Amino acid sequence: MDLKLIGLHLELTPALREYVNTKFQRIAHHLESVISATVTLSIDKLIHKAYADIHIAGKSIRSEATHKDMYTAIDILIDKLNRAVLKNKEKTTHHILHH
């Protein structure tokens, strides 16, 4: 999976990069067809925002999360993406089984 990390108004530290990479391995584990993912981390007036755009074969999944702590915002984002990816996987599996 090609993972692109962008920082707006904040420095992407090696620890932050490693944290995002580790979390995204969980999503890649559920879905082998992930082509690429772009994660944007930003700070706006003390609000930490994590936004992700994941490209799967024929589809994109987008999600975002905000929190006063960046690591918590990333955790919330990963949870949302995980649910969306699993839902997409179930839909695809259900569709294949019923045809």
C-alpha atoms as a PDB file:
ATOM      1  CA  MET A   1       0.000   0.000   0.000  1.00  0.00           C
ATOM      2  CA  ASP A   2       1.272   3.437  -0.941  1.00  0.00           C
ATOM      3  CA  LEU A   3       0.849   5.725   2.093  1.00  0.00           C
ATOM      4  CA  LYS A   4       1.345   9.466   1.680  1.00  0.00           C
ATOM      5  CA  LEU A   5       1.491  11.596   4.820  1.00  0.00           C
ATOM      6  CA  ILE A   6       0.963  15.371   4.704  1.00  0.00           C
ATOM      7  CA  GLY A   7       1.357  17.835   7.571  1.00  0.00           C
ATOM      8  CA  LEU A   8      -0.396  21.220   7.493  1.00  0.00           C
ATOM      9  CA  HIS A   9       0.685  23.730  10.133  1.00  0.00           C
ATOM     10  CA  LEU A  10       2.605  21.070  12.030  1.00  0.00           C
ATOM     11  CA  GLU A  11       5.890  19.204  11.787  1.00  0.00           C
ATOM     12  CA  LEU A  12       5.606  15.508  10.983  1.00  0.00           C
ATOM     13  CA  THR A  13       7.919  13.984  13.565  1.00  0.00           C
ATOM     14  CA  PRO A  14       9.343  10.479  13.068  1.00  0.00           C
ATOM     15  CA  ALA A  15       7.185   9.308  16.028  1.00  0.00           C
ATOM     16  CA  LEU A  16       4.019  10.667  14.367  1.00  0.00           C
ATOM     17  CA  ARG A  17       4.930   9.053  11.030  1.00  0.00           C
ATOM     18  CA  GLU A  18       5.580   5.713  12.718  1.00  0.00           C
ATOM     19  CA  TYR A  19       2.285   5.929  14.645  1.00  0.00           C
ATOM     20  CA  VAL A  20       0.270   6.532  11.455  1.00  0.00           C
ATOM     21  CA  ASN A  21       2.128   3.764   9.582  1.00  0.00           C
ATOM     22  CA  THR A  22       1.505   1.273  12.376  1.00  0.00           C
ATOM     23  CA  LYS A  23      -2.202   2.144  12.560  1.00  0.00           C
ATOM     24  CA  PHE A  24      -2.650   1.856   8.779  1.00  0.00           C
ATOM     25  CA  GLN A  25      -1.202  -1.654   8.784  1.00  0.00           C
ATOM     26  CA  ARG A  26      -4.405  -2.678  10.599  1.00  0.00           C
ATOM     27  CA  ILE A  27      -6.523  -1.409   7.704  1.00  0.00           C
ATOM     28  CA  ALA A  28      -4.266  -2.976   5.076  1.00  0.00           C
ATOM     29  CA  HIS A  29      -4.645  -6.282   6.942  1.00  0.00           C
ATOM     30  CA  HIS A  30      -8.440  -6.217   6.460  1.00  0.00           C
ATOM     31  CA  LEU A  31      -8.350  -5.161   2.853  1.00  0.00           C
ATOM     32  CA  GLU A  32      -5.656  -6.349   0.475  1.00  0.00           C
ATOM     33  CA  SER A  33      -7.028  -4.267  -2.400  1.00  0.00           C
ATOM     34  CA  VAL A  34      -5.985  -0.890  -0.930  1.00  0.00           C
ATOM     35  CA  ILE A  35      -4.083   0.879  -3.704  1.00  0.00           C
ATOM     36  CA  SER A  36      -3.085   4.057  -1.900  1.00  0.00           C
ATOM     37  CA  ALA A  37      -3.909   6.229   1.077  1.00  0.00           C
ATOM     38  CA  THR A  38      -3.324   9.903   1.733  1.00  0.00           C
ATOM     39  CA  VAL A  39      -3.382  11.099   5.330  1.00  0.00           C
ATOM     40  CA  THR A  40      -3.399  14.799   6.143  1.00  0.00           C
ATOM     41  CA  LEU A  41      -2.699  15.947   9.689  1.00  0.00           C
ATOM     42  CA  SER A  42      -3.330  19.570  10.587  1.00  0.00           C
ATOM     43  CA  ILE A  43      -3.787  21.932  13.507  1.00  0.00           C
ATOM     44  CA  ASP A  44      -6.303  24.764  13.430  1.00  0.00           C
ATOM     45  CA  LYS A  45      -6.785  26.874  16.561  1.00  0.00           C
ATOM     46  CA  LEU A  46      -5.678  24.077  18.925  1.00  0.00           C
ATOM     47  CA  ILE A  47      -7.930  21.542  17.194  1.00  0.00           C
ATOM     48  CA  HIS A  48      -5.980  18.605  15.788  1.00  0.00           C
ATOM     49  CA  LYS A  49      -7.479  17.188  12.617  1.00  0.00           C
ATOM     50  CA  ALA A  50      -6.713  13.900  10.872  1.00  0.00           C
ATOM     51  CA  TYR A  51      -8.138  13.335   7.388  1.00  0.00           C
ATOM     52  CA  ALA A  52      -7.675  10.263   5.196  1.00  0.00           C
ATOM     53  CA  ASP A  53      -8.534   9.354   1.629  1.00  0.00           C
ATOM     54  CA  ILE A  54      -8.137   5.649   0.827  1.00  0.00           C
ATOM     55  CA  HIS A  55      -8.285   4.358  -2.744  1.00  0.00           C
ATOM     56  CA  ILE A  56      -9.558   0.823  -3.175  1.00  0.00           C
ATOM     57  CA  ALA A  57     -10.042  -0.852  -6.548  1.00  0.00           C
ATOM     58  CA  GLY A  58     -12.915   1.159  -8.056  1.00  0.00           C
ATOM     59  CA  LYS A  59     -13.754   3.173  -4.944  1.00  0.00           C
ATOM     60  CA  SER A  60     -12.547   5.815  -2.487  1.00  0.00           C
ATOM     61  CA  ILE A  61     -13.212   5.962   1.241  1.00  0.00           C
ATOM     62  CA  ARG A  62     -12.791   9.311   2.997  1.00  0.00           C
ATOM     63  CA  SER A  63     -12.996  10.123   6.665  1.00  0.00           C
ATOM     64  CA  GLU A  64     -11.855  12.698   9.166  1.00  0.00           C
ATOM     65  CA  ALA A  65     -11.609  13.123  12.902  1.00  0.00           C
ATOM     66  CA  THR A  66     -10.829  16.019  15.221  1.00  0.00           C
ATOM     67  CA  HIS A  67      -9.643  16.138  18.823  1.00  0.00           C
ATOM     68  CA  LYS A  68      -7.512  18.299  21.096  1.00  0.00           C
ATOM     69  CA  ASP A  69      -4.804  15.590  20.940  1.00  0.00           C
ATOM     70  CA  MET A  70      -3.345  14.489  17.562  1.00  0.00           C
ATOM     71  CA  TYR A  71      -2.780  10.862  18.579  1.00  0.00           C
ATOM     72  CA  THR A  72      -6.399  10.574  19.732  1.00  0.00           C
ATOM     73  CA  ALA A  73      -7.592  12.163  16.473  1.00  0.00           C
ATOM     74  CA  ILE A  74      -5.582   9.543  14.552  1.00  0.00           C
ATOM     75  CA  ASP A  75      -7.091   6.735  16.668  1.00  0.00           C
ATOM     76  CA  ILE A  76     -10.629   8.013  16.009  1.00  0.00           C
ATOM     77  CA  LEU A  77      -9.855   8.308  12.284  1.00  0.00           C
ATOM     78  CA  ILE A  78      -8.489   4.750  12.115  1.00  0.00           C
ATOM     79  CA  ASP A  79     -11.578   3.402  13.915  1.00  0.00           C
ATOM     80  CA  LYS A  80     -13.882   5.180  11.432  1.00  0.00           C
ATOM     81  CA  LEU A  81     -11.862   3.953   8.453  1.00  0.00           C
ATOM     82  CA  ASN A  82     -11.742   0.423   9.824  1.00  0.00           C
ATOM     83  CA  ARG A  83     -15.548   0.343  10.110  1.00  0.00           C
ATOM     84  CA  ALA A  84     -15.937   1.750   6.583  1.00  0.00           C
ATOM     85  CA  VAL A  85     -13.444  -0.717   5.113  1.00  0.00           C
ATOM     86  CA  LEU A  86     -15.086  -3.685   6.853  1.00  0.00           C
ATOM     87  CA  LYS A  87     -18.526  -2.498   5.714  1.00  0.00           C
ATOM     88  CA  ASN A  88     -17.244  -2.226   2.142  1.00  0.00           C
ATOM     89  CA  LYS A  89     -15.666  -5.682   2.390  1.00  0.00           C
ATOM     90  CA  GLU A  90     -18.940  -7.195   3.690  1.00  0.00           C
ATOM     91  CA  LYS A  91     -20.899  -5.527   0.890  1.00  0.00           C
ATOM     92  CA  THR A  92     -18.525  -6.878  -1.728  1.00  0.00           C
ATOM     93  CA  THR A  93     -18.556 -10.377  -0.214  1.00  0.00           C
ATOM     94  CA  HIS A  94     -22.352 -10.320   0.101  1.00  0.00           C
ATOM     95  CA  HIS A  95     -22.672  -9.183  -3.519  1.00  0.00           C
ATOM     96  CA  ILE A  96     -20.381 -11.954  -4.784  1.00  0.00           C
ATOM     97  CA  LEU A  97     -22.152 -14.664  -2.768  1.00  0.00           C
ATOM     98  CA  HIS A  98     -25.597 -13.707  -4.058  1.00  0.00           C
ATOM     99  CA  HIS A  99     -24.747 -13.689  -7.752  1.00  0.00           C
END
